[in-house]
Protein backbone atom coordinates (compact mmCIF):
# COMPACT_ATOMS: atom_id res chain seq x y z
CA MET A 1 180.19 11.92 197.58
CA THR A 2 182.27 13.09 194.63
CA VAL A 3 183.60 10.52 192.18
CA THR A 4 187.11 11.49 191.08
CA TYR A 5 189.32 10.11 188.34
CA GLU A 6 191.97 9.25 190.89
CA ASP A 7 189.54 7.14 192.93
CA LYS A 8 188.22 5.23 189.94
CA PRO A 9 190.86 4.06 187.42
CA TRP A 10 188.11 2.75 185.11
CA LEU A 11 186.77 6.29 184.81
CA ASN A 12 190.06 7.32 183.21
CA GLN A 13 189.34 4.86 180.41
CA LEU A 14 185.67 5.84 180.14
CA ASN A 15 186.47 9.51 179.88
CA GLU A 16 189.97 9.70 178.45
CA VAL A 17 189.03 12.30 175.84
CA GLN A 18 186.92 14.30 178.27
CA ARG A 19 189.74 14.34 180.81
CA ALA A 20 192.42 15.54 178.39
CA PRO A 21 193.67 19.01 179.40
CA VAL A 22 191.84 21.83 177.67
CA GLN A 23 194.00 24.61 176.26
CA PRO A 24 191.53 27.23 175.09
CA PRO A 25 192.33 30.52 173.36
CA GLU A 26 191.98 33.57 175.59
CA THR A 27 188.80 34.60 173.76
CA MET A 28 186.82 33.47 170.71
CA LEU A 29 188.03 36.61 168.92
CA HIS A 30 191.54 35.18 169.21
CA ALA A 31 190.28 31.92 167.68
CA PHE A 32 188.52 33.81 164.88
CA ARG A 33 191.61 35.88 164.09
CA ASP A 34 193.68 32.69 163.96
CA ALA A 35 191.27 31.26 161.37
CA VAL A 36 191.42 34.49 159.34
CA ARG A 37 195.22 34.30 159.38
CA THR A 38 195.56 30.57 158.57
CA VAL A 39 192.53 29.72 156.39
CA PRO A 40 191.26 33.10 155.04
CA GLY A 41 189.59 31.56 151.98
CA ARG A 42 187.74 28.82 153.85
CA THR A 43 183.97 29.15 154.05
CA ALA A 44 183.08 30.42 157.50
CA LEU A 45 179.32 30.81 157.04
CA ALA A 46 176.96 28.90 154.73
CA TYR A 47 173.41 30.21 154.48
CA PHE A 48 171.07 28.62 151.93
CA ASP A 49 172.96 29.35 148.67
CA GLY A 50 175.14 32.11 150.18
CA ARG A 51 178.72 31.75 151.41
CA LEU A 52 181.12 34.00 153.34
CA THR A 53 184.80 33.22 153.83
CA TYR A 54 186.72 33.95 157.01
CA ARG A 55 188.41 36.90 155.27
CA GLU A 56 185.04 38.35 154.21
CA ALA A 57 183.54 37.85 157.67
CA ASP A 58 186.55 39.63 159.18
CA THR A 59 186.19 42.64 156.87
CA LEU A 60 182.43 42.94 157.38
CA SER A 61 182.63 42.64 161.17
CA ASP A 62 185.38 45.28 161.18
CA GLY A 63 182.96 47.63 159.43
CA ILE A 64 180.32 47.03 162.11
CA ALA A 65 182.84 47.66 164.90
CA ALA A 66 184.02 50.87 163.22
CA HIS A 67 180.44 52.12 162.90
CA LEU A 68 179.65 51.44 166.54
CA ALA A 69 182.78 53.28 167.68
CA ALA A 70 181.95 56.24 165.42
CA ARG A 71 178.50 56.43 167.01
CA GLY A 72 180.04 56.78 170.46
CA PHE A 73 179.82 53.17 171.58
CA GLU A 74 182.34 52.63 174.41
CA ARG A 75 184.20 49.56 175.64
CA GLY A 76 181.97 47.67 178.08
CA ASP A 77 178.70 49.09 176.69
CA ARG A 78 175.94 46.56 176.11
CA LEU A 79 174.65 45.60 172.67
CA ALA A 80 171.40 43.61 172.38
CA LEU A 81 171.42 41.11 169.51
CA MET A 82 167.93 39.99 168.48
CA LEU A 83 168.21 37.89 165.30
CA GLN A 84 167.48 34.39 164.07
CA ASN A 85 170.16 31.92 162.96
CA SER A 86 171.75 33.88 160.11
CA PRO A 87 175.20 35.20 159.11
CA HIS A 88 174.03 38.62 160.30
CA PHE A 89 173.96 37.30 163.87
CA VAL A 90 177.56 36.09 163.63
CA LEU A 91 178.82 39.27 161.93
CA ALA A 92 177.09 41.49 164.51
CA LEU A 93 178.47 39.39 167.37
CA LEU A 94 182.05 39.58 166.07
CA GLY A 95 181.72 43.30 165.29
CA ALA A 96 180.35 43.98 168.76
CA TRP A 97 183.18 42.10 170.45
CA LYS A 98 185.72 43.95 168.29
CA ALA A 99 184.15 47.20 169.54
CA GLY A 100 184.57 46.02 173.14
CA ALA A 101 180.86 45.32 173.68
CA VAL A 102 179.11 43.06 176.12
CA VAL A 103 176.60 41.24 173.92
CA VAL A 104 173.08 40.59 175.20
CA PRO A 105 171.42 37.86 173.09
CA VAL A 106 167.64 38.33 172.93
CA ASN A 107 165.06 35.79 171.85
CA PRO A 108 163.46 37.07 168.59
CA MET A 109 160.14 35.65 169.79
CA TYR A 110 160.02 38.03 172.75
CA LYS A 111 157.15 40.48 172.88
CA ALA A 112 157.53 44.19 173.69
CA GLY A 113 157.34 43.78 177.47
CA GLU A 114 159.91 40.99 177.52
CA VAL A 115 162.31 42.97 175.33
CA ALA A 116 161.82 46.07 177.47
CA HIS A 117 162.80 44.12 180.60
CA VAL A 118 166.10 43.06 179.00
CA LEU A 119 166.90 46.50 177.54
CA HIS A 120 166.35 48.22 180.88
CA ASP A 121 167.88 45.54 183.10
CA ALA A 122 171.10 45.33 181.04
CA GLU A 123 171.11 49.10 180.32
CA VAL A 124 171.55 48.38 176.63
CA THR A 125 173.19 51.08 174.47
CA ALA A 126 172.78 49.48 171.01
CA LEU A 127 170.21 47.14 169.47
CA VAL A 128 170.56 44.92 166.39
CA CYS A 129 167.30 43.37 165.17
CA ASP A 130 165.41 42.14 162.12
CA GLU A 131 164.08 45.04 160.06
CA ARG A 132 160.60 43.48 160.03
CA ALA A 133 160.40 43.71 163.83
CA TRP A 134 161.65 47.32 164.10
CA GLU A 135 158.61 49.29 163.03
CA PRO A 136 155.88 46.99 164.42
CA TYR A 137 157.06 47.21 168.03
CA LEU A 138 160.82 47.43 168.65
CA ARG A 139 161.09 51.06 167.61
CA ALA A 140 158.65 52.13 170.32
CA THR A 141 160.17 49.71 172.83
CA ALA A 142 163.69 51.03 172.22
CA ALA A 143 162.51 54.64 172.42
CA GLY A 144 161.57 54.15 176.06
CA SER A 145 164.86 52.44 176.94
CA PRO A 146 168.56 53.36 177.22
CA VAL A 147 169.09 52.33 173.56
CA ARG A 148 170.55 55.13 171.41
CA ILE A 149 172.02 53.13 168.49
CA ALA A 150 169.85 50.87 166.32
CA LEU A 151 170.87 48.60 163.46
CA THR A 152 168.40 46.54 161.44
CA ALA A 153 169.07 43.54 159.21
CA CYS A 154 167.29 42.06 156.24
CA GLU A 155 168.29 38.44 156.63
CA LEU A 156 167.87 37.76 152.92
CA ASP A 157 170.72 40.01 151.92
CA LEU A 158 173.42 37.33 151.95
CA GLN A 159 171.70 34.74 149.74
CA SER A 160 169.36 34.44 146.78
CA ARG A 161 165.75 35.36 147.34
CA ASP A 162 164.84 32.86 144.63
CA ASP A 163 166.02 29.92 146.73
CA PRO A 164 162.88 27.73 147.07
CA ARG A 165 163.79 26.75 150.64
CA VAL A 166 163.41 30.30 151.91
CA LEU A 167 160.20 30.70 153.87
CA ASP A 168 157.99 33.79 153.54
CA PHE A 169 160.50 36.63 153.65
CA ALA A 170 159.04 40.00 152.77
CA ARG A 171 161.36 42.99 152.83
CA ALA A 172 160.25 45.79 155.11
CA ALA A 173 160.54 49.45 154.19
CA PRO A 174 163.96 50.89 155.18
CA ALA A 175 163.90 52.37 158.67
CA GLU A 176 164.61 56.09 158.82
CA ASP A 177 165.83 56.01 162.41
CA ALA A 178 167.96 52.86 162.25
CA ASP A 179 171.02 51.98 160.16
CA ASP A 180 171.14 48.94 157.91
CA LEU A 181 173.57 46.37 159.29
CA LEU A 182 175.06 45.21 155.99
CA THR A 183 175.30 48.73 154.57
CA VAL A 184 177.33 49.67 157.62
CA ALA A 185 179.43 46.51 157.36
CA ARG A 186 180.19 47.07 153.67
CA ALA A 187 181.10 50.71 154.21
CA GLY A 188 184.42 49.49 155.56
CA GLY A 189 186.57 50.79 158.33
CA ALA A 190 188.98 49.41 160.87
CA ALA A 191 187.92 48.03 164.22
CA PRO A 192 188.78 50.56 166.94
CA PRO A 193 192.14 49.91 168.63
CA GLY A 194 192.50 49.11 172.32
CA ARG A 195 189.15 47.34 172.61
CA GLU A 196 190.35 43.71 172.50
CA PRO A 197 188.60 41.88 175.36
CA ALA A 198 190.44 39.91 178.03
CA GLY A 199 189.37 36.48 179.18
CA SER A 200 188.00 37.86 182.43
CA ASP A 201 185.79 40.42 180.66
CA ILE A 202 182.07 39.76 180.29
CA ALA A 203 181.30 38.48 176.79
CA LEU A 204 177.57 37.85 177.15
CA ILE A 205 174.74 38.67 179.48
CA SER A 206 172.60 35.61 178.80
CA TYR A 207 169.10 35.95 180.15
CA THR A 208 167.59 32.79 181.57
CA SER A 209 164.61 31.48 179.66
CA GLY A 210 162.11 32.75 182.19
CA THR A 211 160.18 29.47 182.46
CA SER A 212 159.64 30.59 186.08
CA GLY A 213 159.82 34.23 187.13
CA ALA A 214 161.45 37.18 185.41
CA PRO A 215 164.60 36.37 183.40
CA LYS A 216 167.93 37.36 184.98
CA GLY A 217 171.22 37.82 183.17
CA ALA A 218 174.04 35.33 183.66
CA MET A 219 177.44 36.96 183.02
CA ASN A 220 179.34 34.59 180.72
CA THR A 221 182.97 35.72 180.48
CA HIS A 222 185.14 35.36 177.39
CA ALA A 223 187.15 32.73 179.30
CA ASN A 224 183.97 30.79 180.15
CA ILE A 225 183.03 30.62 176.46
CA ALA A 226 186.55 29.88 175.18
CA TYR A 227 186.98 27.04 177.67
CA ASN A 228 183.73 25.28 176.77
CA ALA A 229 184.16 25.92 173.04
CA GLU A 230 187.60 24.32 173.04
CA ARG A 231 186.39 21.52 175.28
CA GLN A 232 183.55 20.87 172.86
CA HIS A 233 185.84 20.91 169.82
CA THR A 234 188.45 18.67 171.47
CA GLY A 235 185.93 16.29 173.01
CA LEU A 236 184.02 15.79 169.77
CA GLN A 237 187.22 14.75 167.96
CA LEU A 238 186.11 16.59 164.82
CA PRO A 239 188.62 17.24 162.03
CA ASP A 240 189.91 20.75 161.38
CA GLY A 241 187.48 22.65 159.18
CA ALA A 242 184.50 20.39 159.88
CA CYS A 243 181.01 21.67 159.10
CA ILE A 244 178.77 22.29 162.12
CA PHE A 245 175.05 22.71 161.56
CA VAL A 246 173.19 25.22 163.75
CA LEU A 247 170.14 23.38 165.06
CA ALA A 248 169.89 25.20 168.39
CA PRO A 249 169.15 28.96 168.36
CA LEU A 250 172.30 31.08 168.39
CA PHE A 251 170.75 33.44 170.94
CA HIS A 252 170.62 30.44 173.32
CA ILE A 253 173.80 29.43 175.16
CA THR A 254 173.76 25.96 173.53
CA GLY A 255 173.89 27.36 170.00
CA MET A 256 176.26 30.16 170.96
CA VAL A 257 178.86 27.88 172.55
CA CYS A 258 178.38 24.33 171.28
CA GLU A 259 177.86 25.31 167.65
CA LEU A 260 179.11 28.83 166.82
CA SER A 261 182.04 29.03 169.23
CA ALA A 262 183.03 25.37 168.81
CA CYS A 263 183.06 25.96 165.05
CA LEU A 264 185.43 28.91 165.48
CA ALA A 265 187.65 26.79 167.74
CA GLY A 266 187.95 24.23 164.92
CA ARG A 267 188.20 26.83 162.08
CA GLY A 268 185.14 25.16 160.60
CA THR A 269 182.13 26.05 158.50
CA LEU A 270 178.91 27.06 160.22
CA ALA A 271 175.76 26.09 158.28
CA LEU A 272 172.60 28.08 159.07
CA THR A 273 168.95 28.01 157.95
CA HIS A 274 167.45 31.06 159.69
CA ARG A 275 165.08 29.10 161.95
CA PHE A 276 164.04 25.52 162.55
CA GLU A 277 161.78 24.06 159.87
CA PRO A 278 162.17 20.26 159.66
CA GLY A 279 162.02 19.89 155.88
CA VAL A 280 164.50 22.72 155.29
CA VAL A 281 166.84 21.29 157.93
CA LEU A 282 166.82 17.85 156.29
CA ASP A 283 167.64 19.45 152.91
CA ALA A 284 170.52 21.32 154.54
CA PHE A 285 171.89 18.07 155.99
CA LEU A 286 172.18 16.69 152.46
CA GLU A 287 173.65 19.90 151.03
CA HIS A 288 176.25 20.73 153.67
CA ARG A 289 177.07 17.22 155.00
CA PRO A 290 177.67 18.44 158.56
CA ALA A 291 179.78 16.44 160.98
CA PHE A 292 178.07 17.71 164.12
CA THR A 293 174.96 19.38 165.44
CA VAL A 294 173.25 19.75 168.79
CA GLY A 295 169.65 20.61 169.56
CA PRO A 296 166.76 19.90 171.89
CA SER A 297 165.07 16.51 171.86
CA THR A 298 161.93 18.20 170.53
CA ALA A 299 163.77 19.12 167.31
CA TYR A 300 164.87 15.52 166.77
CA MET A 301 161.30 14.35 167.37
CA ALA A 302 160.14 16.72 164.63
CA LEU A 303 162.87 15.54 162.22
CA ALA A 304 162.07 11.88 162.88
CA ALA A 305 158.40 12.56 162.17
CA GLN A 306 159.16 13.77 158.62
CA PRO A 307 158.10 11.11 156.11
CA GLN A 308 161.00 11.99 153.77
CA ALA A 309 163.69 11.48 156.44
CA THR A 310 166.13 8.67 155.60
CA ARG A 311 169.43 7.33 156.85
CA GLU A 312 171.18 9.31 154.13
CA HIS A 313 170.11 12.58 155.77
CA PHE A 314 172.08 11.64 158.90
CA SER A 315 174.96 9.72 157.32
CA SER A 316 177.52 12.56 157.43
CA PHE A 317 177.29 13.09 161.18
CA ARG A 318 180.20 11.92 163.27
CA VAL A 319 178.47 13.13 166.42
CA LEU A 320 174.81 13.96 166.99
CA SER A 321 174.05 15.56 170.36
CA SER A 322 171.01 16.57 172.34
CA GLY A 323 170.89 19.36 174.89
CA GLY A 324 168.63 22.05 176.28
CA ALA A 325 165.70 19.73 177.02
CA PRO A 326 165.31 16.24 178.58
CA LEU A 327 166.14 13.34 176.26
CA PRO A 328 163.78 10.34 176.55
CA PRO A 329 165.53 6.96 176.16
CA ALA A 330 162.77 5.90 173.76
CA LEU A 331 163.77 8.68 171.34
CA VAL A 332 167.40 7.53 171.34
CA THR A 333 166.25 4.01 170.49
CA ARG A 334 163.81 5.23 167.84
CA LEU A 335 166.41 7.43 166.09
CA GLY A 336 169.03 4.72 166.19
CA ALA A 337 166.70 2.19 164.62
CA ALA A 338 165.41 4.57 161.95
CA PHE A 339 168.60 6.39 160.96
CA GLY A 340 171.50 4.31 162.27
CA THR A 341 172.71 7.25 164.39
CA TYR A 342 173.31 7.33 168.13
CA LEU A 343 171.98 10.49 169.77
CA ARG A 344 174.47 11.57 172.42
CA ASN A 345 173.14 13.13 175.60
CA GLY A 346 174.58 16.11 177.46
CA TYR A 347 173.88 18.42 180.37
CA GLY A 348 174.50 22.07 180.98
CA LEU A 349 172.96 25.38 181.96
CA THR A 350 173.25 29.02 180.99
CA GLU A 351 175.13 29.54 184.26
CA CYS A 352 177.81 27.02 183.28
CA THR A 353 178.05 28.34 179.72
CA ALA A 354 176.38 25.26 178.21
CA PRO A 355 177.91 21.81 178.82
CA CYS A 356 179.40 20.53 182.04
CA ALA A 357 178.77 16.81 181.39
CA SER A 358 178.40 14.76 178.21
CA VAL A 359 178.65 11.26 176.81
CA PRO A 360 182.22 10.57 175.62
CA PRO A 361 182.71 9.61 171.97
CA GLY A 362 182.44 5.89 171.39
CA ARG A 363 180.27 5.36 174.47
CA GLU A 364 176.54 5.02 174.96
CA ALA A 365 174.82 6.42 178.01
CA PRO A 366 173.34 3.82 180.35
CA VAL A 367 169.74 3.87 181.52
CA ASP A 368 169.18 3.63 185.26
CA PRO A 369 167.23 0.36 185.76
CA ALA A 370 165.28 1.65 188.77
CA SER A 371 163.98 4.95 187.35
CA GLY A 372 164.38 4.50 183.59
CA THR A 373 166.40 7.75 183.46
CA LEU A 374 169.03 8.13 180.71
CA ALA A 375 172.44 9.29 181.94
CA VAL A 376 173.49 12.74 180.70
CA GLY A 377 177.18 11.86 180.64
CA VAL A 378 180.23 12.27 182.82
CA PRO A 379 181.79 15.55 183.97
CA GLY A 380 184.40 17.10 181.72
CA PRO A 381 188.01 18.01 182.53
CA ASP A 382 188.63 20.48 185.36
CA THR A 383 184.94 20.13 186.29
CA VAL A 384 183.69 18.86 189.65
CA VAL A 385 180.06 17.76 189.87
CA ARG A 386 178.64 16.96 193.29
CA ILE A 387 175.26 15.72 194.51
CA VAL A 388 174.30 17.43 197.77
CA ASP A 389 171.41 17.61 200.22
CA ASP A 390 169.50 20.76 201.23
CA GLU A 391 172.35 21.77 203.56
CA GLY A 392 174.99 21.37 200.85
CA ARG A 393 176.40 18.10 202.22
CA PRO A 394 177.42 15.37 199.74
CA VAL A 395 175.04 12.42 199.54
CA PRO A 396 176.06 8.78 198.92
CA LEU A 397 176.41 7.42 195.40
CA GLY A 398 173.03 6.50 193.92
CA GLU A 399 171.13 8.82 196.24
CA GLN A 400 169.25 11.81 194.85
CA GLY A 401 170.14 15.39 195.69
CA GLU A 402 170.80 18.76 194.08
CA ILE A 403 173.47 18.86 191.36
CA THR A 404 176.28 21.36 191.87
CA VAL A 405 179.00 22.32 189.40
CA ARG A 406 182.41 23.89 189.91
CA GLY A 407 184.77 24.60 187.02
CA PRO A 408 186.14 27.16 184.53
CA GLN A 409 182.81 27.33 182.69
CA VAL A 410 180.79 28.54 185.70
CA VAL A 411 179.81 32.22 185.49
CA PRO A 412 180.90 34.67 188.20
CA GLY A 413 177.27 35.67 188.84
CA TYR A 414 174.15 37.42 187.61
CA TRP A 415 174.18 40.93 186.19
CA ARG A 416 173.79 43.41 189.06
CA ARG A 417 172.16 40.84 191.34
CA PRO A 418 174.72 40.22 194.11
CA GLN A 419 172.29 38.54 196.50
CA GLU A 420 170.96 36.11 193.92
CA SER A 421 174.53 35.45 192.73
CA ALA A 422 175.67 34.62 196.26
CA ALA A 423 172.71 32.28 196.77
CA ALA A 424 173.07 30.45 193.44
CA ILE A 425 176.89 30.36 193.20
CA PRO A 426 178.28 30.30 196.76
CA ASP A 427 182.07 30.31 196.71
CA GLY A 428 182.06 29.70 192.94
CA GLU A 429 180.04 26.47 193.05
CA LEU A 430 176.81 26.58 191.04
CA ARG A 431 173.69 25.27 192.77
CA THR A 432 171.81 24.19 189.67
CA GLY A 433 168.34 23.59 191.12
CA ASP A 434 168.32 20.25 189.28
CA ILE A 435 167.80 16.99 191.14
CA GLY A 436 169.97 14.07 190.12
CA PHE A 437 172.32 11.32 191.22
CA MET A 438 175.61 9.73 190.24
CA ASP A 439 176.11 6.00 189.93
CA ALA A 440 179.11 3.96 190.99
CA ASP A 441 180.58 4.24 187.48
CA GLY A 442 180.59 8.04 187.55
CA TRP A 443 177.63 8.56 185.22
CA LEU A 444 175.45 11.56 186.04
CA TYR A 445 171.65 11.33 185.90
CA VAL A 446 169.29 14.31 185.96
CA VAL A 447 165.93 13.45 187.48
CA ASP A 448 164.12 16.78 187.24
CA ARG A 449 164.00 20.40 188.30
CA LYS A 450 163.72 20.77 192.06
CA LYS A 451 160.72 23.08 191.72
CA ASP A 452 158.90 20.72 189.33
CA MET A 453 158.49 17.93 191.90
CA ILE A 454 154.85 16.91 192.39
CA ASN A 455 153.61 16.09 195.91
CA ALA A 456 150.77 13.57 195.56
CA SER A 457 149.42 12.54 198.98
CA GLY A 458 152.87 13.07 200.46
CA PHE A 459 154.65 11.01 197.79
CA LYS A 460 157.25 12.62 195.51
CA VAL A 461 156.59 12.31 191.80
CA TRP A 462 159.23 13.49 189.34
CA PRO A 463 157.70 14.49 185.97
CA ARG A 464 160.65 13.11 184.00
CA GLU A 465 159.93 9.54 185.10
CA VAL A 466 156.29 9.73 183.98
CA GLU A 467 157.25 11.47 180.74
CA ASP A 468 159.77 8.76 179.89
CA VAL A 469 157.04 6.13 180.28
CA LEU A 470 154.69 8.13 178.05
CA HIS A 471 157.43 8.44 175.41
CA SER A 472 157.67 4.64 175.31
CA HIS A 473 154.15 4.53 173.83
CA PRO A 474 154.41 4.36 170.02
CA ALA A 475 151.80 7.08 169.47
CA VAL A 476 153.43 9.73 171.66
CA ARG A 477 155.50 12.48 170.02
CA GLU A 478 155.85 14.88 172.97
CA ALA A 479 154.87 14.63 176.61
CA ALA A 480 154.96 16.94 179.61
CA VAL A 481 153.75 16.20 183.12
CA VAL A 482 152.72 18.75 185.76
CA GLY A 483 151.05 18.77 189.14
CA VAL A 484 147.52 20.14 189.36
CA SER A 485 145.44 20.94 192.43
CA ASP A 486 143.55 17.99 193.87
CA PRO A 487 141.17 18.33 196.85
CA TYR A 488 141.99 14.81 198.06
CA ARG A 489 145.70 14.32 197.23
CA GLY A 490 146.81 17.95 197.41
CA GLU A 491 148.30 17.49 193.93
CA SER A 492 147.68 14.92 191.25
CA VAL A 493 149.57 14.11 188.09
CA LYS A 494 148.36 15.48 184.76
CA ALA A 495 149.99 14.77 181.41
CA TYR A 496 149.87 16.83 178.23
CA VAL A 497 150.67 14.88 175.09
CA SER A 498 151.04 15.48 171.36
CA LEU A 499 150.75 12.48 169.05
CA ARG A 500 152.81 11.23 166.13
CA PRO A 501 151.11 11.54 162.72
CA GLY A 502 148.99 8.52 161.90
CA ASN A 503 149.21 7.10 165.42
CA PRO A 504 145.89 7.71 167.19
CA ALA A 505 145.60 7.11 170.91
CA GLY A 506 143.10 8.34 173.46
CA PRO A 507 143.60 9.57 177.03
CA GLU A 508 142.36 6.33 178.60
CA GLU A 509 144.81 4.26 176.55
CA LEU A 510 147.72 6.47 177.63
CA ILE A 511 146.62 6.44 181.27
CA GLY A 512 146.43 2.64 181.12
CA HIS A 513 149.90 2.47 179.55
CA CYS A 514 151.31 4.41 182.52
CA ARG A 515 149.24 2.53 185.12
CA GLU A 516 150.85 -0.74 184.00
CA ARG A 517 154.37 0.66 184.41
CA LEU A 518 154.24 3.05 187.38
CA ALA A 519 153.30 2.99 191.02
CA ALA A 520 149.69 3.95 191.78
CA TYR A 521 150.62 7.44 193.02
CA LYS A 522 152.72 8.21 189.93
CA TYR A 523 150.55 7.50 186.92
CA PRO A 524 148.59 10.46 185.48
CA ARG A 525 144.95 10.74 186.46
CA GLN A 526 144.37 13.08 183.53
CA VAL A 527 145.79 13.15 180.02
CA GLU A 528 145.06 16.03 177.65
CA ILE A 529 146.02 15.72 173.99
CA LEU A 530 147.26 18.88 172.25
CA ALA A 531 148.42 19.47 168.69
CA ASP A 532 151.73 20.85 170.04
CA LEU A 533 153.07 21.53 173.50
CA PRO A 534 154.04 25.12 174.34
CA LYS A 535 157.79 25.61 174.20
CA THR A 536 160.45 28.25 174.39
CA THR A 537 162.30 28.73 171.10
CA SER A 538 165.22 26.79 172.59
CA GLY A 539 162.92 23.75 172.79
CA LYS A 540 162.15 23.70 176.51
CA ILE A 541 158.56 22.86 177.31
CA LEU A 542 156.82 25.63 179.24
CA ARG A 543 155.56 23.79 182.30
CA ARG A 544 154.46 27.07 183.85
CA GLU A 545 151.98 27.58 181.00
CA LEU A 546 150.74 24.00 181.31
CA ARG A 547 150.32 24.34 185.09
CA SER A 548 148.22 27.45 184.57
CA ARG A 549 146.15 25.65 181.97
CA GLY A 550 145.64 22.67 184.28
CA ASP A 551 144.65 24.69 187.33
CA SER A 552 142.25 26.82 185.29
CA GLY A 553 140.50 23.67 184.13
CA ARG A 554 141.14 24.32 180.42
């Protein structure tokens, strides 16, 4: 069953802001050019003690576009962008789009084999990367790929190297076979004419995180991004020019859309700190006084664990959001009590260009009393979310099934994978692979990934439910639950846990905590305590790695 606004008048009130018509620009380049025209002197990018205005960012990105065109880069060619959260990422992105490029964001933590897969699969023509990664392994990786244009960046070049918050930056020797990004940008030049992208053109090929199987590239169009960026800006009710802090990685769809693109939609200031380091991030909160940020729950856990964190660090935020990883209700309660800030949940995927459901401003997400699951929000305007069975038929309200999404943010498919596109997005409706349900009030709940379900003696166990119970223990910082082979049950539940500083707890105590709160087939038979759980750089816990560890007996 699909809950519609027309069927439920109370949902109009719940989601009035979310339901308001979205009028996005055709592309984010149009939004950027509007900011250059109307607020040229406003700070666009703040990076430690460095600042760039919209006018300066426009000139520098023009220089990058001119250089690419002079090197034979054609409209529709692919440019891989492999940088941390820095102004260089934004300048390279804008320059690439001005040159008519399809941008392929690449995780800077990828090793040579992972990078090679992306470069070959996307048939990448140009690569932009950190200069310190070029000689160690990217030079050789690019040499065996379609890449014929290389640009390297020293991500210190736009701020003072004496800034005490900068972490261990050593300049590499200049590359002889790659051009320096900022030298190219400062050389000047006009962006090539006739390359302006249309809304239907591919803006990004965003490779899935690869937590299971080889990553595949979702084709996010310029219209997909512009829609969700404007929806984010409008739905957050932020003032024009507000500061947005980049907590999520920009190479991830959450950072790209919910932070960078939403900032452009609001002609705001984007504050960056290269990569996530809790103490540096807290300092930046005080310096830049951001109104909004979004990041994985694991990042907020790390911030809350900092002994110097106070309410003042979070006092400037009008909206604080979580996305990219499950949000335990206990963390929302803990943050609210400690910092007086409500952490707003949301739900989205790479294939729907980040958010498709979120908690409206002024509302708090309910917790399902039966499962203890925190609602992720309600669907946004022009977005239809359905819960369906294995045959694609709608299930009754409150019943679990696969979540599907249809709307202007859903990608047209995967890069050069027509069969997988047809299977995942039949007739334009995304089959997410997530299991969830919708309550009678229209709130959406995500239970878990379909493939992560544990079958213990024929009973279904969803890891999220066990993890939420573990997070309610005061000693637990992070928790992840997987199924491991069991000769009697087929599978049994195993939990991996990291602890909060100064809060000791042993496996037996944590098992007992779960036994008191869960059915006999659900509580973990094994708990292993680790210093940190393995994660992607976007904050998602790598269950695949934990499953391998569990089955190998480590």
